[in-house]
Amino acid sequence: MAQSMGEIMNPGSVVRDADFPDAPDDWTQEHAVAAAQADDIALKQDHWDMIKALQGYFARHDKPNVRELHDALEEAFYGRGGLKYLYGLFPGGPVAQGCRFAGLQAPSGAVDKSFGSVQ
């Protein structure tokens, strides 16, 4: 089933990275590396796991709610320390900075300082 207008208009024109099947059409790993380098972050496997988790979550939810996304990330990464662990990986905020690296638009409230996120 087509996931984007590009695939509908030009079937077969969008080549997906097998490691990131839920990535936005115009996203590449190089985009993530460049965004991370701009923030002085060297992406390691744990970062890629988070990027993949964000892309998968956004693929399953049309308009993600930041609180529900936080809860989902806390659960998904519970064994590694949950959100506290993710804030260590993404000091700019796991949702705000993670979405930027993943080529996604962060849900509203993800960069609201009163909510506890970091800019």
PDB file of N, CA and C in Angstrom:
ATOM      1  N   MET A   1       0.833  -1.177   0.000  1.00  0.00           N
ATOM      2  CA  MET A   1       0.000   0.000   0.000  1.00  0.00           C
ATOM      3  C   MET A   1       0.880   1.244   0.000  1.00  0.00           C
ATOM      4  N   ALA A   2       0.537   2.221  -0.818  1.00  0.00           N
ATOM      5  CA  ALA A   2       1.307   3.457  -0.925  1.00  0.00           C
ATOM      6  C   ALA A   2       1.227   4.236   0.379  1.00  0.00           C
ATOM      7  N   GLN A   3       2.359   4.808   0.799  1.00  0.00           N
ATOM      8  CA  GLN A   3       2.403   5.558   2.042  1.00  0.00           C
ATOM      9  C   GLN A   3       2.474   7.058   1.820  1.00  0.00           C
ATOM     10  N   SER A   4       2.735   7.501   0.620  1.00  0.00           N
ATOM     11  CA  SER A   4       2.859   8.935   0.383  1.00  0.00           C
ATOM     12  C   SER A   4       2.318   9.291  -0.990  1.00  0.00           C
ATOM     13  N   MET A   5       2.123  10.582  -1.192  1.00  0.00           N
ATOM     14  CA  MET A   5       1.645  11.059  -2.486  1.00  0.00           C
ATOM     15  C   MET A   5       2.669  10.738  -3.576  1.00  0.00           C
ATOM     16  N   GLY A   6       3.964  10.813  -3.252  1.00  0.00           N
ATOM     17  CA  GLY A   6       4.998  10.478  -4.229  1.00  0.00           C
ATOM     18  C   GLY A   6       4.867   9.055  -4.733  1.00  0.00           C
ATOM     19  N   GLU A   7       4.531   8.135  -3.841  1.00  0.00           N
ATOM     20  CA  GLU A   7       4.356   6.739  -4.242  1.00  0.00           C
ATOM     21  C   GLU A   7       3.081   6.547  -5.050  1.00  0.00           C
ATOM     22  N   ILE A   8       2.062   7.337  -4.758  1.00  0.00           N
ATOM     23  CA  ILE A   8       0.810   7.243  -5.508  1.00  0.00           C
ATOM     24  C   ILE A   8       1.001   7.773  -6.923  1.00  0.00           C
ATOM     25  N   MET A   9       1.652   8.922  -7.037  1.00  0.00           N
ATOM     26  CA  MET A   9       1.841   9.557  -8.340  1.00  0.00           C
ATOM     27  C   MET A   9       2.879   8.831  -9.193  1.00  0.00           C
ATOM     28  N   ASN A  10       3.908   8.302  -8.560  1.00  0.00           N
ATOM     29  CA  ASN A  10       4.995   7.623  -9.268  1.00  0.00           C
ATOM     30  C   ASN A  10       5.319   6.309  -8.562  1.00  0.00           C
ATOM     31  N   PRO A  11       4.504   5.286  -8.775  1.00  0.00           N
ATOM     32  CA  PRO A  11       4.745   4.010  -8.093  1.00  0.00           C
ATOM     33  C   PRO A  11       6.166   3.503  -8.339  1.00  0.00           C
ATOM     34  N   GLY A  12       6.798   3.078  -7.269  1.00  0.00           N
ATOM     35  CA  GLY A  12       8.154   2.551  -7.376  1.00  0.00           C
ATOM     36  C   GLY A  12       9.234   3.611  -7.370  1.00  0.00           C
ATOM     37  N   SER A  13       8.854   4.898  -7.334  1.00  0.00           N
ATOM     38  CA  SER A  13       9.850   5.963  -7.397  1.00  0.00           C
ATOM     39  C   SER A  13      10.521   6.216  -6.055  1.00  0.00           C
ATOM     40  N   VAL A  14       9.865   5.844  -4.981  1.00  0.00           N
ATOM     41  CA  VAL A  14      10.420   6.070  -3.654  1.00  0.00           C
ATOM     42  C   VAL A  14      11.137   4.806  -3.207  1.00  0.00           C
ATOM     43  N   VAL A  15      12.439   4.925  -2.984  1.00  0.00           N
ATOM     44  CA  VAL A  15      13.240   3.796  -2.530  1.00  0.00           C
ATOM     45  C   VAL A  15      13.424   3.944  -1.025  1.00  0.00           C
ATOM     46  N   ARG A  16      12.952   2.971  -0.287  1.00  0.00           N
ATOM     47  CA  ARG A  16      13.028   3.029   1.171  1.00  0.00           C
ATOM     48  C   ARG A  16      14.272   2.296   1.674  1.00  0.00           C
ATOM     49  N   ASP A  17      14.870   2.867   2.697  1.00  0.00           N
ATOM     50  CA  ASP A  17      15.990   2.244   3.377  1.00  0.00           C
ATOM     51  C   ASP A  17      15.435   1.065   4.178  1.00  0.00           C
ATOM     52  N   ALA A  18      15.946  -0.117   3.940  1.00  0.00           N
ATOM     53  CA  ALA A  18      15.443  -1.314   4.619  1.00  0.00           C
ATOM     54  C   ALA A  18      15.590  -1.214   6.137  1.00  0.00           C
ATOM     55  N   ASP A  19      16.587  -0.481   6.611  1.00  0.00           N
ATOM     56  CA  ASP A  19      16.789  -0.317   8.052  1.00  0.00           C
ATOM     57  C   ASP A  19      15.815   0.681   8.667  1.00  0.00           C
ATOM     58  N   PHE A  20      15.239   1.552   7.839  1.00  0.00           N
ATOM     59  CA  PHE A  20      14.324   2.590   8.311  1.00  0.00           C
ATOM     60  C   PHE A  20      13.074   2.604   7.429  1.00  0.00           C
ATOM     61  N   PRO A  21      12.256   1.556   7.511  1.00  0.00           N
ATOM     62  CA  PRO A  21      11.106   1.436   6.604  1.00  0.00           C
ATOM     63  C   PRO A  21      10.032   2.497   6.808  1.00  0.00           C
ATOM     64  N   ASP A  22       9.995   3.135   7.970  1.00  0.00           N
ATOM     65  CA  ASP A  22       8.969   4.139   8.255  1.00  0.00           C
ATOM     66  C   ASP A  22       9.476   5.568   8.105  1.00  0.00           C
ATOM     67  N   ALA A  23      10.667   5.732   7.559  1.00  0.00           N
ATOM     68  CA  ALA A  23      11.250   7.070   7.406  1.00  0.00           C
ATOM     69  C   ALA A  23      10.458   7.894   6.397  1.00  0.00           C
ATOM     70  N   PRO A  24      10.428   9.214   6.599  1.00  0.00           N
ATOM     71  CA  PRO A  24       9.799  10.080   5.587  1.00  0.00           C
ATOM     72  C   PRO A  24      10.493   9.903   4.237  1.00  0.00           C
ATOM     73  N   ASP A  25       9.751  10.139   3.164  1.00  0.00           N
ATOM     74  CA  ASP A  25      10.275   9.919   1.810  1.00  0.00           C
ATOM     75  C   ASP A  25      11.577  10.661   1.538  1.00  0.00           C
ATOM     76  N   ASP A  26      11.689  11.892   2.027  1.00  0.00           N
ATOM     77  CA  ASP A  26      12.856  12.711   1.698  1.00  0.00           C
ATOM     78  C   ASP A  26      13.973  12.597   2.733  1.00  0.00           C
ATOM     79  N   TRP A  27      13.863  11.670   3.674  1.00  0.00           N
ATOM     80  CA  TRP A  27      14.841  11.521   4.737  1.00  0.00           C
ATOM     81  C   TRP A  27      15.891  10.477   4.375  1.00  0.00           C
ATOM     82  N   THR A  28      17.140  10.755   4.750  1.00  0.00           N
ATOM     83  CA  THR A  28      18.215   9.771   4.619  1.00  0.00           C
ATOM     84  C   THR A  28      19.012   9.764   5.919  1.00  0.00           C
ATOM     85  N   GLN A  29      19.791   8.740   6.105  1.00  0.00           N
ATOM     86  CA  GLN A  29      20.649   8.687   7.285  1.00  0.00           C
ATOM     87  C   GLN A  29      21.632   9.855   7.291  1.00  0.00           C
ATOM     88  N   GLU A  30      22.014  10.301   6.103  1.00  0.00           N
ATOM     89  CA  GLU A  30      22.933  11.439   6.010  1.00  0.00           C
ATOM     90  C   GLU A  30      22.302  12.712   6.571  1.00  0.00           C
ATOM     91  N   HIS A  31      20.977  12.863   6.391  1.00  0.00           N
ATOM     92  CA  HIS A  31      20.287  14.016   6.979  1.00  0.00           C
ATOM     93  C   HIS A  31      20.414  13.978   8.504  1.00  0.00           C
ATOM     94  N   ALA A  32      20.225  12.805   9.069  1.00  0.00           N
ATOM     95  CA  ALA A  32      20.313  12.659  10.520  1.00  0.00           C
ATOM     96  C   ALA A  32      21.725  12.951  11.007  1.00  0.00           C
ATOM     97  N   VAL A  33      22.717  12.443  10.305  1.00  0.00           N
ATOM     98  CA  VAL A  33      24.109  12.668  10.693  1.00  0.00           C
ATOM     99  C   VAL A  33      24.434  14.158  10.646  1.00  0.00           C
ATOM    100  N   ALA A  34      24.001  14.848   9.592  1.00  0.00           N
ATOM    101  CA  ALA A  34      24.268  16.286   9.467  1.00  0.00           C
ATOM    102  C   ALA A  34      23.590  17.070  10.590  1.00  0.00           C
ATOM    103  N   ALA A  35      22.342  16.733  10.900  1.00  0.00           N
ATOM    104  CA  ALA A  35      21.623  17.424  11.977  1.00  0.00           C
ATOM    105  C   ALA A  35      22.302  17.173  13.319  1.00  0.00           C
ATOM    106  N   ALA A  36      22.747  15.949  13.537  1.00  0.00           N
ATOM    107  CA  ALA A  36      23.422  15.610  14.790  1.00  0.00           C
ATOM    108  C   ALA A  36      24.768  16.325  14.895  1.00  0.00           C
ATOM    109  N   GLN A  37      25.514  16.371  13.804  1.00  0.00           N
ATOM    110  CA  GLN A  37      26.804  17.062  13.822  1.00  0.00           C
ATOM    111  C   GLN A  37      26.630  18.541  14.132  1.00  0.00           C
ATOM    112  N   ALA A  38      25.554  19.142  13.628  1.00  0.00           N
ATOM    113  CA  ALA A  38      25.281  20.551  13.915  1.00  0.00           C
ATOM    114  C   ALA A  38      25.039  20.765  15.411  1.00  0.00           C
ATOM    115  N   ASP A  39      24.595  19.717  16.103  1.00  0.00           N
ATOM    116  CA  ASP A  39      24.364  19.779  17.550  1.00  0.00           C
ATOM    117  C   ASP A  39      25.508  19.144  18.341  1.00  0.00           C
ATOM    118  N   ASP A  40      26.626  18.873  17.673  1.00  0.00           N
ATOM    119  CA  ASP A  40      27.798  18.252  18.302  1.00  0.00           C
ATOM    120  C   ASP A  40      27.483  16.895  18.933  1.00  0.00           C
ATOM    121  N   ILE A  41      26.694  16.102  18.220  1.00  0.00           N
ATOM    122  CA  ILE A  41      26.355  14.755  18.677  1.00  0.00           C
ATOM    123  C   ILE A  41      26.828  13.755  17.629  1.00  0.00           C
ATOM    124  N   ALA A  42      27.557  12.754  18.076  1.00  0.00           N
ATOM    125  CA  ALA A  42      27.974  11.660  17.200  1.00  0.00           C
ATOM    126  C   ALA A  42      26.958  10.538  17.374  1.00  0.00           C
ATOM    127  N   LEU A  43      26.236  10.217  16.315  1.00  0.00           N
ATOM    128  CA  LEU A  43      25.182   9.207  16.399  1.00  0.00           C
ATOM    129  C   LEU A  43      25.771   7.813  16.589  1.00  0.00           C
ATOM    130  N   LYS A  44      25.249   7.142  17.595  1.00  0.00           N
ATOM    131  CA  LYS A  44      25.630   5.765  17.882  1.00  0.00           C
ATOM    132  C   LYS A  44      24.385   4.891  17.725  1.00  0.00           C
ATOM    133  N   GLN A  45      24.519   3.598  17.908  1.00  0.00           N
ATOM    134  CA  GLN A  45      23.399   2.680  17.694  1.00  0.00           C
ATOM    135  C   GLN A  45      22.172   3.050  18.524  1.00  0.00           C
ATOM    136  N   ASP A  46      22.376   3.504  19.753  1.00  0.00           N
ATOM    137  CA  ASP A  46      21.239   3.875  20.599  1.00  0.00           C
ATOM    138  C   ASP A  46      20.459   5.047  20.007  1.00  0.00           C
ATOM    139  N   HIS A  47      21.164   5.999  19.390  1.00  0.00           N
ATOM    140  CA  HIS A  47      20.488   7.112  18.718  1.00  0.00           C
ATOM    141  C   HIS A  47      19.655   6.592  17.545  1.00  0.00           C
ATOM    142  N   TRP A  48      20.246   5.693  16.771  1.00  0.00           N
ATOM    143  CA  TRP A  48      19.528   5.141  15.615  1.00  0.00           C
ATOM    144  C   TRP A  48      18.293   4.362  16.063  1.00  0.00           C
ATOM    145  N   ASP A  49      18.399   3.657  17.200  1.00  0.00           N
ATOM    146  CA  ASP A  49      17.237   2.933  17.730  1.00  0.00           C
ATOM    147  C   ASP A  49      16.105   3.908  18.048  1.00  0.00           C
ATOM    148  N   MET A  50      16.453   5.043  18.633  1.00  0.00           N
ATOM    149  CA  MET A  50      15.453   6.053  18.969  1.00  0.00           C
ATOM    150  C   MET A  50      14.856   6.670  17.704  1.00  0.00           C
ATOM    151  N   ILE A  51      15.689   6.963  16.717  1.00  0.00           N
ATOM    152  CA  ILE A  51      15.205   7.528  15.451  1.00  0.00           C
ATOM    153  C   ILE A  51      14.222   6.560  14.797  1.00  0.00           C
ATOM    154  N   LYS A  52      14.583   5.286  14.785  1.00  0.00           N
ATOM    155  CA  LYS A  52      13.702   4.269  14.200  1.00  0.00           C
ATOM    156  C   LYS A  52      12.393   4.170  14.984  1.00  0.00           C
ATOM    157  N   ALA A  53      12.473   4.253  16.310  1.00  0.00           N
ATOM    158  CA  ALA A  53      11.270   4.196  17.146  1.00  0.00           C
ATOM    159  C   ALA A  53      10.357   5.387  16.868  1.00  0.00           C
ATOM    160  N   LEU A  54      10.933   6.577  16.738  1.00  0.00           N
ATOM    161  CA  LEU A  54      10.127   7.766  16.432  1.00  0.00           C
ATOM    162  C   LEU A  54       9.452   7.635  15.072  1.00  0.00           C
ATOM    163  N   GLN A  55      10.205   7.219  14.079  1.00  0.00           N
ATOM    164  CA  GLN A  55       9.636   7.078  12.735  1.00  0.00           C
ATOM    165  C   GLN A  55       8.519   6.040  12.725  1.00  0.00           C
ATOM    166  N   GLY A  56       8.697   4.950  13.443  1.00  0.00           N
ATOM    167  CA  GLY A  56       7.661   3.931  13.528  1.00  0.00           C
ATOM    168  C   GLY A  56       6.415   4.443  14.227  1.00  0.00           C
ATOM    169  N   TYR A  57       6.610   5.194  15.309  1.00  0.00           N
ATOM    170  CA  TYR A  57       5.471   5.745  16.044  1.00  0.00           C
ATOM    171  C   TYR A  57       4.685   6.709  15.165  1.00  0.00           C
ATOM    172  N   PHE A  58       5.392   7.585  14.466  1.00  0.00           N
ATOM    173  CA  PHE A  58       4.727   8.564  13.602  1.00  0.00           C
ATOM    174  C   PHE A  58       4.022   7.879  12.431  1.00  0.00           C
ATOM    175  N   ALA A  59       4.552   6.757  11.962  1.00  0.00           N
ATOM    176  CA  ALA A  59       3.911   6.023  10.867  1.00  0.00           C
ATOM    177  C   ALA A  59       2.578   5.419  11.315  1.00  0.00           C
ATOM    178  N   ARG A  60       2.463   5.111  12.606  1.00  0.00           N
ATOM    179  CA  ARG A  60       1.241   4.496  13.129  1.00  0.00           C
ATOM    180  C   ARG A  60       0.231   5.500  13.673  1.00  0.00           C
ATOM    181  N   HIS A  61       0.646   6.748  13.885  1.00  0.00           N
ATOM    182  CA  HIS A  61      -0.231   7.761  14.482  1.00  0.00           C
ATOM    183  C   HIS A  61      -0.236   9.012  13.605  1.00  0.00           C
ATOM    184  N   ASP A  62      -1.416   9.398  13.142  1.00  0.00           N
ATOM    185  CA  ASP A  62      -1.526  10.563  12.265  1.00  0.00           C
ATOM    186  C   ASP A  62      -1.081  11.858  12.933  1.00  0.00           C
ATOM    187  N   LYS A  63      -1.601  12.138  14.101  1.00  0.00           N
ATOM    188  CA  LYS A  63      -1.260  13.368  14.819  1.00  0.00           C
ATOM    189  C   LYS A  63      -0.831  12.989  16.231  1.00  0.00           C
ATOM    190  N   PRO A  64       0.436  12.663  16.401  1.00  0.00           N
ATOM    191  CA  PRO A  64       0.903  12.219  17.712  1.00  0.00           C
ATOM    192  C   PRO A  64       0.735  13.301  18.781  1.00  0.00           C
ATOM    193  N   ASN A  65       0.315  12.861  19.946  1.00  0.00           N
ATOM    194  CA  ASN A  65       0.208  13.709  21.120  1.00  0.00           C
ATOM    195  C   ASN A  65       1.521  13.582  21.884  1.00  0.00           C
ATOM    196  N   VAL A  66       2.099  14.705  22.294  1.00  0.00           N
ATOM    197  CA  VAL A  66       3.421  14.668  22.912  1.00  0.00           C
ATOM    198  C   VAL A  66       3.418  13.848  24.203  1.00  0.00           C
ATOM    199  N   ARG A  67       2.367  13.930  24.978  1.00  0.00           N
ATOM    200  CA  ARG A  67       2.325  13.162  26.230  1.00  0.00           C
ATOM    201  C   ARG A  67       2.252  11.657  25.939  1.00  0.00           C
ATOM    202  N   GLU A  68       1.425  11.262  24.972  1.00  0.00           N
ATOM    203  CA  GLU A  68       1.333   9.847  24.606  1.00  0.00           C
ATOM    204  C   GLU A  68       2.648   9.355  24.011  1.00  0.00           C
ATOM    205  N   LEU A  69       3.310  10.218  23.249  1.00  0.00           N
ATOM    206  CA  LEU A  69       4.608   9.858  22.676  1.00  0.00           C
ATOM    207  C   LEU A  69       5.637   9.676  23.785  1.00  0.00           C
ATOM    208  N   HIS A  70       5.657  10.580  24.766  1.00  0.00           N
ATOM    209  CA  HIS A  70       6.560  10.422  25.913  1.00  0.00           C
ATOM    210  C   HIS A  70       6.307   9.087  26.609  1.00  0.00           C
ATOM    211  N   ASP A  71       5.025   8.763  26.820  1.00  0.00           N
ATOM    212  CA  ASP A  71       4.681   7.501  27.483  1.00  0.00           C
ATOM    213  C   ASP A  71       5.161   6.299  26.667  1.00  0.00           C
ATOM    214  N   ALA A  72       4.973   6.362  25.355  1.00  0.00           N
ATOM    215  CA  ALA A  72       5.401   5.263  24.482  1.00  0.00           C
ATOM    216  C   ALA A  72       6.918   5.106  24.504  1.00  0.00           C
ATOM    217  N   LEU A  73       7.638   6.226  24.502  1.00  0.00           N
ATOM    218  CA  LEU A  73       9.103   6.163  24.541  1.00  0.00           C
ATOM    219  C   LEU A  73       9.590   5.658  25.896  1.00  0.00           C
ATOM    220  N   GLU A  74       8.941   6.104  26.963  1.00  0.00           N
ATOM    221  CA  GLU A  74       9.290   5.623  28.306  1.00  0.00           C
ATOM    222  C   GLU A  74       9.156   4.102  28.361  1.00  0.00           C
ATOM    223  N   GLU A  75       8.076   3.592  27.799  1.00  0.00           N
ATOM    224  CA  GLU A  75       7.840   2.146  27.793  1.00  0.00           C
ATOM    225  C   GLU A  75       8.835   1.416  26.890  1.00  0.00           C
ATOM    226  N   ALA A  76       9.059   1.948  25.695  1.00  0.00           N
ATOM    227  CA  ALA A  76       9.943   1.282  24.733  1.00  0.00           C
ATOM    228  C   ALA A  76      11.389   1.222  25.219  1.00  0.00           C
ATOM    229  N   PHE A  77      11.820   2.244  25.955  1.00  0.00           N
ATOM    230  CA  PHE A  77      13.212   2.308  26.395  1.00  0.00           C
ATOM    231  C   PHE A  77      13.345   2.107  27.906  1.00  0.00           C
ATOM    232  N   TYR A  78      12.339   1.517  28.507  1.00  0.00           N
ATOM    233  CA  TYR A  78      12.322   1.293  29.955  1.00  0.00           C
ATOM    234  C   TYR A  78      13.547   0.499  30.418  1.00  0.00           C
ATOM    235  N   GLY A  79      13.896  -0.530  29.688  1.00  0.00           N
ATOM    236  CA  GLY A  79      15.018  -1.384  30.058  1.00  0.00           C
ATOM    237  C   GLY A  79      16.366  -0.680  30.035  1.00  0.00           C
ATOM    238  N   ARG A  80      16.430   0.454  29.367  1.00  0.00           N
ATOM    239  CA  ARG A  80      17.684   1.216  29.283  1.00  0.00           C
ATOM    240  C   ARG A  80      17.659   2.447  30.196  1.00  0.00           C
ATOM    241  N   GLY A  81      16.521   2.695  30.816  1.00  0.00           N
ATOM    242  CA  GLY A  81      16.424   3.853  31.703  1.00  0.00           C
ATOM    243  C   GLY A  81      15.327   4.825  31.323  1.00  0.00           C
ATOM    244  N   GLY A  82      14.547   4.502  30.302  1.00  0.00           N
ATOM    245  CA  GLY A  82      13.401   5.326  29.917  1.00  0.00           C
ATOM    246  C   GLY A  82      13.777   6.717  29.434  1.00  0.00           C
ATOM    247  N   LEU A  83      12.930   7.684  29.771  1.00  0.00           N
ATOM    248  CA  LEU A  83      13.140   9.051  29.286  1.00  0.00           C
ATOM    249  C   LEU A  83      14.417   9.673  29.833  1.00  0.00           C
ATOM    250  N   LYS A  84      14.779   9.328  31.064  1.00  0.00           N
ATOM    251  CA  LYS A  84      16.024   9.866  31.627  1.00  0.00           C
ATOM    252  C   LYS A  84      17.207   9.465  30.742  1.00  0.00           C
ATOM    253  N   TYR A  85      17.217   8.224  30.329  1.00  0.00           N
ATOM    254  CA  TYR A  85      18.254   7.721  29.429  1.00  0.00           C
ATOM    255  C   TYR A  85      18.216   8.464  28.091  1.00  0.00           C
ATOM    256  N   LEU A  86      16.996   8.673  27.554  1.00  0.00           N
ATOM    257  CA  LEU A  86      16.854   9.346  26.259  1.00  0.00           C
ATOM    258  C   LEU A  86      17.287  10.802  26.322  1.00  0.00           C
ATOM    259  N   TYR A  87      17.053  11.476  27.454  1.00  0.00           N
ATOM    260  CA  TYR A  87      17.528  12.853  27.606  1.00  0.00           C
ATOM    261  C   TYR A  87      19.054  12.895  27.615  1.00  0.00           C
ATOM    262  N   GLY A  88      19.694  11.827  28.065  1.00  0.00           N
ATOM    263  CA  GLY A  88      21.148  11.749  27.996  1.00  0.00           C
ATOM    264  C   GLY A  88      21.640  11.644  26.558  1.00  0.00           C
ATOM    265  N   LEU A  89      20.888  10.923  25.730  1.00  0.00           N
ATOM    266  CA  LEU A  89      21.247  10.783  24.314  1.00  0.00           C
ATOM    267  C   LEU A  89      20.924  12.042  23.519  1.00  0.00           C
ATOM    268  N   PHE A  90      19.781  12.649  23.844  1.00  0.00           N
ATOM    269  CA  PHE A  90      19.281  13.816  23.114  1.00  0.00           C
ATOM    270  C   PHE A  90      19.110  14.972  24.093  1.00  0.00           C
ATOM    271  N   PRO A  91      20.195  15.689  24.412  1.00  0.00           N
ATOM    272  CA  PRO A  91      20.115  16.759  25.409  1.00  0.00           C
ATOM    273  C   PRO A  91      19.180  17.902  25.003  1.00  0.00           C
ATOM    274  N   GLY A  92      18.849  17.997  23.730  1.00  0.00           N
ATOM    275  CA  GLY A  92      17.896  18.998  23.268  1.00  0.00           C
ATOM    276  C   GLY A  92      16.463  18.526  23.408  1.00  0.00           C
ATOM    277  N   GLY A  93      16.265  17.396  24.063  1.00  0.00           N
ATOM    278  CA  GLY A  93      14.935  16.814  24.251  1.00  0.00           C
ATOM    279  C   GLY A  93      14.747  15.642  23.318  1.00  0.00           C
ATOM    280  N   PRO A  94      14.400  14.472  23.849  1.00  0.00           N
ATOM    281  CA  PRO A  94      14.276  13.293  22.996  1.00  0.00           C
ATOM    282  C   PRO A  94      13.219  13.436  21.909  1.00  0.00           C
ATOM    283  N   VAL A  95      12.150  14.165  22.177  1.00  0.00           N
ATOM    284  CA  VAL A  95      11.115  14.323  21.159  1.00  0.00           C
ATOM    285  C   VAL A  95      11.507  15.423  20.179  1.00  0.00           C
ATOM    286  N   ALA A  96      11.825  16.608  20.681  1.00  0.00           N
ATOM    287  CA  ALA A  96      12.142  17.734  19.793  1.00  0.00           C
ATOM    288  C   ALA A  96      13.384  17.451  18.948  1.00  0.00           C
ATOM    289  N   GLN A  97      14.476  17.124  19.591  1.00  0.00           N
ATOM    290  CA  GLN A  97      15.724  16.874  18.873  1.00  0.00           C
ATOM    291  C   GLN A  97      15.657  15.556  18.110  1.00  0.00           C
ATOM    292  N   GLY A  98      15.069  14.543  18.721  1.00  0.00           N
ATOM    293  CA  GLY A  98      14.932  13.253  18.053  1.00  0.00           C
ATOM    294  C   GLY A  98      14.117  13.357  16.776  1.00  0.00           C
ATOM    295  N   CYS A  99      13.025  14.109  16.820  1.00  0.00           N
ATOM    296  CA  CYS A  99      12.199  14.291  15.620  1.00  0.00           C
ATOM    297  C   CYS A  99      12.977  15.018  14.531  1.00  0.00           C
ATOM    298  N   ARG A 100      13.755  16.006  14.925  1.00  0.00           N
ATOM    299  CA  ARG A 100      14.547  16.733  13.922  1.00  0.00           C
ATOM    300  C   ARG A 100      15.527  15.788  13.229  1.00  0.00           C
ATOM    301  N   PHE A 101      16.185  14.941  13.995  1.00  0.00           N
ATOM    302  CA  PHE A 101      17.128  13.978  13.417  1.00  0.00           C
ATOM    303  C   PHE A 101      16.397  12.954  12.549  1.00  0.00           C
ATOM    304  N   ALA A 102      15.166  12.606  12.939  1.00  0.00           N
ATOM    305  CA  ALA A 102      14.388  11.581  12.233  1.00  0.00           C
ATOM    306  C   ALA A 102      13.637  12.129  11.026  1.00  0.00           C
ATOM    307  N   GLY A 103      13.736  13.440  10.782  1.00  0.00           N
ATOM    308  CA  GLY A 103      13.048  14.040   9.642  1.00  0.00           C
ATOM    309  C   GLY A 103      11.558  14.218   9.867  1.00  0.00           C
ATOM    310  N   LEU A 104      11.164  14.360  11.122  1.00  0.00           N
ATOM    311  CA  LEU A 104       9.755  14.468  11.487  1.00  0.00           C
ATOM    312  C   LEU A 104       9.474  15.822  12.122  1.00  0.00           C
ATOM    313  N   GLN A 105       8.238  16.269  12.024  1.00  0.00           N
ATOM    314  CA  GLN A 105       7.845  17.491  12.711  1.00  0.00           C
ATOM    315  C   GLN A 105       7.397  17.109  14.115  1.00  0.00           C
ATOM    316  N   ALA A 106       8.058  17.675  15.099  1.00  0.00           N
ATOM    317  CA  ALA A 106       7.721  17.366  16.485  1.00  0.00           C
ATOM    318  C   ALA A 106       6.292  17.805  16.787  1.00  0.00           C
ATOM    319  N   PRO A 107       5.576  17.024  17.584  1.00  0.00           N
ATOM    320  CA  PRO A 107       4.209  17.415  17.933  1.00  0.00           C
ATOM    321  C   PRO A 107       4.204  18.704  18.750  1.00  0.00           C
ATOM    322  N   SER A 108       3.093  19.427  18.688  1.00  0.00           N
ATOM    323  CA  SER A 108       3.012  20.669  19.447  1.00  0.00           C
ATOM    324  C   SER A 108       3.207  20.358  20.926  1.00  0.00           C
ATOM    325  N   GLY A 109       3.909  21.235  21.588  1.00  0.00           N
ATOM    326  CA  GLY A 109       4.222  21.043  22.995  1.00  0.00           C
ATOM    327  C   GLY A 109       5.558  20.382  23.232  1.00  0.00           C
ATOM    328  N   ALA A 110       6.189  19.878  22.189  1.00  0.00           N
ATOM    329  CA  ALA A 110       7.469  19.181  22.361  1.00  0.00           C
ATOM    330  C   ALA A 110       8.593  20.138  22.720  1.00  0.00           C
ATOM    331  N   VAL A 111       8.454  21.402  22.403  1.00  0.00           N
ATOM    332  CA  VAL A 111       9.492  22.381  22.726  1.00  0.00           C
ATOM    333  C   VAL A 111       8.963  23.459  23.671  1.00  0.00           C
ATOM    334  N   ASP A 112       7.912  23.131  24.402  1.00  0.00           N
ATOM    335  CA  ASP A 112       7.324  24.047  25.371  1.00  0.00           C
ATOM    336  C   ASP A 112       8.090  23.909  26.680  1.00  0.00           C
ATOM    337  N   LYS A 113       8.827  24.950  27.070  1.00  0.00           N
ATOM    338  CA  LYS A 113       9.650  24.857  28.274  1.00  0.00           C
ATOM    339  C   LYS A 113       8.813  24.580  29.522  1.00  0.00           C
ATOM    340  N   SER A 114       7.571  25.018  29.538  1.00  0.00           N
ATOM    341  CA  SER A 114       6.729  24.770  30.706  1.00  0.00           C
ATOM    342  C   SER A 114       6.364  23.295  30.830  1.00  0.00           C
ATOM    343  N   PHE A 115       6.508  22.532  29.742  1.00  0.00           N
ATOM    344  CA  PHE A 115       6.191  21.107  29.748  1.00  0.00           C
ATOM    345  C   PHE A 115       7.395  20.281  30.186  1.00  0.00           C
ATOM    346  N   GLY A 116       8.542  20.911  30.280  1.00  0.00           N
ATOM    347  CA  GLY A 116       9.735  20.203  30.717  1.00  0.00           C
ATOM    348  C   GLY A 116      10.646  19.768  29.593  1.00  0.00           C
ATOM    349  N   SER A 117      10.368  20.222  28.378  1.00  0.00           N
ATOM    350  CA  SER A 117      11.249  19.871  27.271  1.00  0.00           C
ATOM    351  C   SER A 117      12.405  20.859  27.221  1.00  0.00           C
ATOM    352  N   VAL A 118      13.360  20.576  26.392  1.00  0.00           N
ATOM    353  CA  VAL A 118      14.550  21.402  26.276  1.00  0.00           C
ATOM    354  C   VAL A 118      14.635  21.934  24.864  1.00  0.00           C
ATOM    355  N   GLN A 119      15.085  23.170  24.721  1.00  0.00           N
ATOM    356  CA  GLN A 119      15.269  23.724  23.379  1.00  0.00           C
ATOM    357  C   GLN A 119      16.725  23.859  23.071  1.00  0.00           C
TER     358      GLN A 119
END
